[in-house]
Amino acid sequence: LTPCRPGRGLRAMVAASVGLRGQRAPPARAASSTLGAPLGWCPAGCHGWLPGEQAVQATSPERASRMEVLQAAMGELRSSAVVAIPTDRLYGLACSVSGSAALDAVYHLKGHSKAKPLAVCLGCVVDIYRYYHVKVPKGLLKDLLPGPVTLVLECLKELNKDLNPFTPPVSIWIPDHAFMHDLAQMFVGLLALTCANLSSQPSSLNVEEFQNLWPQLSLGINGGPIGDGKSPKCCLGSNVVDLSVPGKFGIIGAGCAWENTMLVLQRKYRLLPHRDPAETW
C-alpha cells in the first residue's frame, strides 16, 4: 500500500462520545490500545489523541469534546486521508470522494476489487436530490433512510472517475448515527464509505476487530461497541437496493433489514422487482 500521505499512519484512536441519534452514550471503563491511546467512552472532559499531537483536553463538557473530534476527522478527510468511524451498524472507513489517492488506499488496504463499489455517505435524505436522479416518491426515501439500507441511483453529474470505475450507478448510505450525520453535514463535498474490514471478512463491531488496519489509517474514532455483538444480524450488511429504474426495484444485496425493506418497496409503494434477489455485487 502506498499511503495517502507518506509516513503517516494511525498513531491514535480517538475516544469520543458519539451516541446514536444524539443520545448520550453510556460511560465505559477506558482500555489501553497497543498504540497507547485510551479506548472507550468519555462523556465529559474528553481527551482526544490526535495524530502527531499531544492529548487535547476539552474544557467544556460533552459537546465541546464532540466538536473537537469532528474537526479532527474533517481535517484528516480534507487532506485525502482515510479515517475509521463508527456508524449505526458497524465501523467504517471514510475518505473524500474527490481524493483519488485516498480512494485507491481504501481499495488496497481492504484487498477490495475496484469492481466492488464503495458507497457515498450523505448526512440526510434531502441531500440526495443534489447529486442523484430520484425516480421514486420522496416518502419512500424517508421510509428507508437513514438506516441499514443502501440505495443505488444514477448521478446527476459525474463524480470522481476513480470512484467505482466499473459500476456507473452510485450507491448511497445514510447511517442512522448522530456523529456520522454531523460529519457528513459539516464536510464540504461527498464522503466515500465502506466497512472497516478486509474484503469478505465479517463486519467490525468494535475497534479491536480491525486493529490490523490501524497502521494504514490516519485517524480512528472510537464510538464503543456497536449493536448486540451476540446477535447474528449485527454482522450482516445493509440491504443494497437498486432504484434506478422507475417503478421497479432490484435487490443487489440482502442484509439485516430485509423484511422491512421488502414491505416498504412492494406493499407500500407497489414497486416491481427487476433483478434476481440472488444476484449480488
Protein backbone atom coordinates (compact mmCIF):
# COMPACT_ATOMS: atom_id res chain seq x y z
CA LEU A 1 0.00 0.00 0.00
CA THR A 2 1.16 3.48 -0.84
CA PRO A 3 -0.29 5.62 1.95
CA CYS A 4 -2.27 8.75 1.16
CA ARG A 5 0.35 10.80 2.90
CA PRO A 6 3.78 9.15 3.06
CA GLY A 7 4.91 8.38 6.58
CA ARG A 8 1.50 8.89 8.15
CA GLY A 9 -0.17 6.04 9.95
CA LEU A 10 -2.76 5.80 12.65
CA ARG A 11 -0.95 6.90 15.81
CA ALA A 12 -4.09 7.18 17.88
CA MET A 13 -7.64 6.02 18.24
CA VAL A 14 -9.72 8.98 19.37
CA ALA A 15 -12.20 8.29 22.12
CA ALA A 16 -15.40 10.22 21.59
CA SER A 17 -18.92 10.43 22.94
CA VAL A 18 -20.84 9.75 19.74
CA GLY A 19 -24.11 8.16 20.80
CA LEU A 20 -26.80 7.22 18.30
CA ARG A 21 -29.29 9.92 17.34
CA GLY A 22 -27.56 12.40 19.62
CA GLN A 23 -28.34 10.34 22.72
CA ARG A 24 -25.78 10.39 25.47
CA ALA A 25 -23.60 7.34 25.34
CA PRO A 26 -23.25 5.21 28.45
CA PRO A 27 -19.90 5.54 30.21
CA ALA A 28 -17.49 2.68 29.95
CA ARG A 29 -14.17 1.85 31.51
CA ALA A 30 -11.30 3.02 29.33
CA ALA A 31 -8.93 0.39 27.98
CA SER A 32 -5.47 0.80 26.55
CA SER A 33 -4.64 0.08 22.93
CA THR A 34 -1.28 -1.16 21.72
CA LEU A 35 -0.74 2.35 20.34
CA GLY A 36 -1.04 3.90 23.78
CA ALA A 37 -4.37 5.66 23.25
CA PRO A 38 -7.30 5.11 25.63
CA LEU A 39 -10.31 3.41 24.09
CA GLY A 40 -13.93 3.79 25.17
CA TRP A 41 -16.48 6.46 26.01
CA CYS A 42 -15.54 9.80 27.53
CA PRO A 43 -18.79 11.70 28.09
CA ALA A 44 -17.20 14.74 29.74
CA GLY A 45 -13.73 16.27 29.90
CA CYS A 46 -12.84 14.25 26.83
CA HIS A 47 -9.19 13.65 25.98
CA GLY A 48 -8.79 13.30 22.25
CA TRP A 49 -5.50 11.93 20.97
CA LEU A 50 -4.93 13.36 17.51
CA PRO A 51 -2.33 12.08 15.04
CA GLY A 52 1.08 13.51 15.82
CA GLU A 53 -0.26 15.69 18.63
CA GLN A 54 -0.28 15.62 22.39
CA ALA A 55 -3.56 14.97 24.17
CA VAL A 56 -6.11 17.71 23.64
CA GLN A 57 -8.39 18.16 26.65
CA ALA A 58 -11.83 19.67 26.25
CA THR A 59 -12.51 22.20 28.99
CA SER A 60 -16.28 22.21 28.49
CA PRO A 61 -18.43 19.11 28.76
CA GLU A 62 -19.62 16.59 26.19
CA ARG A 63 -20.46 18.82 23.23
CA ALA A 64 -17.07 20.56 23.10
CA SER A 65 -15.18 17.27 23.01
CA ARG A 66 -17.51 16.01 20.30
CA MET A 67 -16.81 19.09 18.20
CA GLU A 68 -13.06 18.63 18.60
CA VAL A 69 -13.34 15.08 17.32
CA LEU A 70 -15.49 16.19 14.36
CA GLN A 71 -12.95 18.87 13.47
CA ALA A 72 -10.08 16.41 13.74
CA ALA A 73 -11.87 13.97 11.43
CA MET A 74 -12.69 16.69 8.91
CA GLY A 75 -9.08 17.86 8.88
CA GLU A 76 -7.85 14.39 8.01
CA LEU A 77 -10.55 13.80 5.38
CA ARG A 78 -9.80 17.12 3.67
CA SER A 79 -6.16 16.05 3.49
CA SER A 80 -7.04 12.95 1.42
CA ALA A 81 -6.62 10.63 4.39
CA VAL A 82 -8.57 7.51 5.36
CA VAL A 83 -10.41 7.68 8.70
CA ALA A 84 -12.10 4.91 10.70
CA ILE A 85 -15.50 5.96 12.02
CA PRO A 86 -18.48 4.42 13.87
CA THR A 87 -21.88 4.09 12.18
CA ASP A 88 -25.23 2.73 13.32
CA ARG A 89 -24.40 -0.88 12.45
CA LEU A 90 -20.62 -1.27 12.05
CA TYR A 91 -17.29 0.54 11.90
CA GLY A 92 -16.48 2.05 8.53
CA LEU A 93 -13.61 3.55 6.56
CA ALA A 94 -14.29 7.02 5.17
CA CYS A 95 -12.45 9.24 2.73
CA SER A 96 -13.21 12.13 0.41
CA VAL A 97 -14.80 11.15 -2.92
CA SER A 98 -12.65 13.79 -4.62
CA GLY A 99 -9.40 12.27 -3.31
CA SER A 100 -8.20 9.67 -5.83
CA ALA A 101 -5.22 8.68 -3.66
CA ALA A 102 -7.49 8.09 -0.67
CA LEU A 103 -9.95 6.02 -2.74
CA ASP A 104 -7.08 3.91 -4.04
CA ALA A 105 -5.78 3.46 -0.49
CA VAL A 106 -9.17 2.17 0.66
CA TYR A 107 -9.29 -0.42 -2.13
CA HIS A 108 -5.76 -1.58 -1.36
CA LEU A 109 -5.93 -1.79 2.41
CA LYS A 110 -9.18 -3.79 2.24
CA GLY A 111 -7.89 -6.00 -0.58
CA HIS A 112 -11.02 -4.80 -2.36
CA SER A 113 -11.56 -5.23 -6.09
CA LYS A 114 -12.48 -1.99 -7.85
CA ALA A 115 -15.34 -3.93 -9.40
CA LYS A 116 -16.94 -3.87 -5.92
CA PRO A 117 -18.31 -0.36 -5.41
CA LEU A 118 -17.88 1.92 -2.43
CA ALA A 119 -20.92 3.78 -1.12
CA VAL A 120 -21.31 7.55 -0.94
CA CYS A 121 -22.24 8.76 2.54
CA LEU A 122 -24.70 11.64 2.89
CA GLY A 123 -25.97 13.39 6.01
CA CYS A 124 -29.71 13.44 5.29
CA VAL A 125 -32.32 12.46 2.70
CA VAL A 126 -32.68 15.94 1.20
CA ASP A 127 -29.02 15.85 0.10
CA ILE A 128 -29.82 13.00 -2.31
CA TYR A 129 -31.61 15.40 -4.66
CA ARG A 130 -28.45 17.49 -5.08
CA TYR A 131 -26.47 14.63 -6.60
CA TYR A 132 -28.85 11.96 -7.95
CA HIS A 133 -31.76 11.34 -10.30
CA VAL A 134 -34.59 10.34 -7.96
CA LYS A 135 -37.27 8.24 -9.67
CA VAL A 136 -39.27 7.18 -6.61
CA PRO A 137 -41.63 9.06 -4.25
CA LYS A 138 -39.94 11.17 -1.60
CA GLY A 139 -41.80 9.23 1.07
CA LEU A 140 -40.09 6.01 0.01
CA LEU A 141 -36.67 7.51 0.65
CA LYS A 142 -37.79 8.71 4.08
CA ASP A 143 -39.21 5.28 4.90
CA LEU A 144 -35.89 3.57 4.15
CA LEU A 145 -33.38 6.21 5.23
CA PRO A 146 -31.47 6.81 7.39
CA GLY A 147 -30.70 3.26 8.40
CA PRO A 148 -29.34 -0.10 7.22
CA VAL A 149 -30.32 0.33 3.57
CA THR A 150 -28.02 1.36 0.73
CA LEU A 151 -29.73 2.76 -2.38
CA VAL A 152 -28.37 2.70 -5.92
CA LEU A 153 -29.30 5.68 -8.11
CA GLU A 154 -27.96 7.44 -11.18
CA CYS A 155 -25.84 10.51 -10.55
CA LEU A 156 -26.86 13.93 -11.87
CA LYS A 157 -23.25 14.63 -12.72
CA GLU A 158 -20.08 12.61 -13.00
CA LEU A 159 -18.22 12.12 -9.74
CA ASN A 160 -14.54 11.29 -9.45
CA LYS A 161 -13.78 8.74 -12.18
CA ASP A 162 -11.73 6.75 -9.64
CA LEU A 163 -14.83 6.11 -7.52
CA ASN A 164 -16.33 2.78 -8.61
CA PRO A 165 -14.83 2.89 -12.13
CA PHE A 166 -16.69 -0.26 -13.25
CA THR A 167 -20.16 0.49 -11.80
CA PRO A 168 -21.71 3.72 -13.18
CA PRO A 169 -24.70 3.91 -10.76
CA VAL A 170 -23.54 5.02 -7.31
CA SER A 171 -24.86 3.65 -4.03
CA ILE A 172 -25.95 5.94 -1.18
CA TRP A 173 -25.58 5.18 2.50
CA ILE A 174 -27.08 7.44 5.19
CA PRO A 175 -26.17 5.92 8.58
CA ASP A 176 -28.66 6.39 11.41
CA HIS A 177 -25.91 7.78 13.63
CA ALA A 178 -25.60 11.27 15.08
CA PHE A 179 -21.82 11.52 14.68
CA MET A 180 -21.91 10.47 11.03
CA HIS A 181 -24.83 12.81 10.35
CA ASP A 182 -22.83 15.74 11.74
CA LEU A 183 -19.64 14.74 9.93
CA ALA A 184 -21.37 14.40 6.54
CA GLN A 185 -23.19 17.72 7.02
CA MET A 186 -20.06 19.62 8.05
CA PHE A 187 -17.79 18.13 5.40
CA VAL A 188 -17.72 20.16 2.18
CA GLY A 189 -18.08 17.52 -0.51
CA LEU A 190 -19.00 13.85 -0.62
CA LEU A 191 -17.61 11.04 1.53
CA ALA A 192 -16.93 7.50 0.34
CA LEU A 193 -17.76 4.90 2.99
CA THR A 194 -17.16 1.19 3.31
CA CYS A 195 -16.81 -1.40 6.06
CA ALA A 196 -13.67 -1.35 8.21
CA ASN A 197 -12.53 -4.87 7.43
CA LEU A 198 -10.64 -6.90 4.90
CA SER A 199 -12.70 -7.82 1.87
CA SER A 200 -15.11 -10.74 2.51
CA GLN A 201 -14.43 -10.70 6.27
CA PRO A 202 -17.14 -10.11 8.92
CA SER A 203 -18.14 -6.55 9.79
CA SER A 204 -16.27 -4.87 12.66
CA LEU A 205 -18.42 -4.02 15.67
CA ASN A 206 -15.59 -2.62 17.83
CA VAL A 207 -12.25 -1.01 17.07
CA GLU A 208 -10.16 -4.01 18.13
CA GLU A 209 -11.70 -6.14 15.36
CA PHE A 210 -9.93 -4.12 12.66
CA GLN A 211 -6.73 -3.42 14.56
CA ASN A 212 -4.74 -4.94 11.70
CA LEU A 213 -5.77 -1.92 9.58
CA TRP A 214 -4.77 0.75 12.12
CA PRO A 215 -1.20 1.32 10.80
CA GLN A 216 -2.61 2.23 7.39
CA LEU A 217 -5.10 4.82 8.68
CA SER A 218 -4.60 8.44 9.65
CA LEU A 219 -7.22 8.68 12.39
CA GLY A 220 -9.74 6.48 14.15
CA ILE A 221 -12.86 7.43 16.09
CA ASN A 222 -13.77 5.00 18.86
CA GLY A 223 -17.51 5.05 19.46
CA GLY A 224 -17.50 1.96 21.65
CA PRO A 225 -19.14 -1.40 20.82
CA ILE A 226 -21.85 -1.24 18.16
CA GLY A 227 -25.08 -3.19 18.47
CA ASP A 228 -25.51 -6.53 20.16
CA GLY A 229 -22.41 -8.50 19.30
CA LYS A 230 -24.20 -11.74 20.20
CA SER A 231 -26.86 -11.28 17.52
CA PRO A 232 -26.01 -12.78 14.10
CA LYS A 233 -27.89 -9.88 12.46
CA CYS A 234 -25.34 -7.40 13.80
CA CYS A 235 -22.71 -8.71 11.40
CA LEU A 236 -24.97 -8.54 8.36
CA GLY A 237 -24.51 -5.75 5.89
CA SER A 238 -27.20 -3.38 4.72
CA ASN A 239 -29.79 -4.16 2.08
CA VAL A 240 -28.50 -2.81 -1.22
CA VAL A 241 -31.47 -1.73 -3.34
CA ASP A 242 -31.33 -0.55 -6.96
CA LEU A 243 -33.91 2.21 -7.56
CA SER A 244 -32.52 3.48 -10.85
CA VAL A 245 -35.44 2.10 -12.91
CA PRO A 246 -38.79 3.93 -12.48
CA GLY A 247 -41.48 1.80 -10.86
CA LYS A 248 -39.12 -1.08 -10.14
CA PHE A 249 -36.53 -2.19 -7.63
CA GLY A 250 -33.65 -4.63 -7.58
CA ILE A 251 -32.12 -6.31 -4.53
CA ILE A 252 -28.37 -6.37 -5.09
CA GLY A 253 -27.52 -7.46 -1.56
CA ALA A 254 -29.75 -8.71 1.26
CA GLY A 255 -28.91 -7.57 4.79
CA CYS A 256 -30.21 -7.10 8.30
CA ALA A 257 -33.41 -5.18 7.44
CA TRP A 258 -34.68 -7.43 4.67
CA GLU A 259 -38.29 -7.89 5.83
CA ASN A 260 -38.98 -4.21 6.49
CA THR A 261 -37.32 -3.16 3.23
CA MET A 262 -39.48 -5.53 1.19
CA LEU A 263 -42.64 -4.34 2.96
CA VAL A 264 -41.85 -0.74 2.05
CA LEU A 265 -40.92 -1.48 -1.57
CA GLN A 266 -43.65 -3.95 -2.50
CA ARG A 267 -46.62 -3.45 -0.21
CA LYS A 268 -46.50 0.27 0.47
CA TYR A 269 -45.17 1.61 -2.85
CA ARG A 270 -46.10 -1.29 -5.17
CA LEU A 271 -42.74 -1.43 -6.90
CA LEU A 272 -41.99 -4.46 -9.07
CA PRO A 273 -38.77 -6.47 -8.88
CA HIS A 274 -36.47 -6.21 -11.87
CA ARG A 275 -33.43 -8.08 -10.59
CA ASP A 276 -32.98 -11.60 -9.27
CA PRO A 277 -32.57 -11.32 -5.46
CA ALA A 278 -29.71 -13.85 -5.68
CA GLU A 279 -27.75 -11.52 -7.98
CA THR A 280 -25.28 -9.53 -5.88
CA TRP A 281 -22.28 -7.31 -6.43
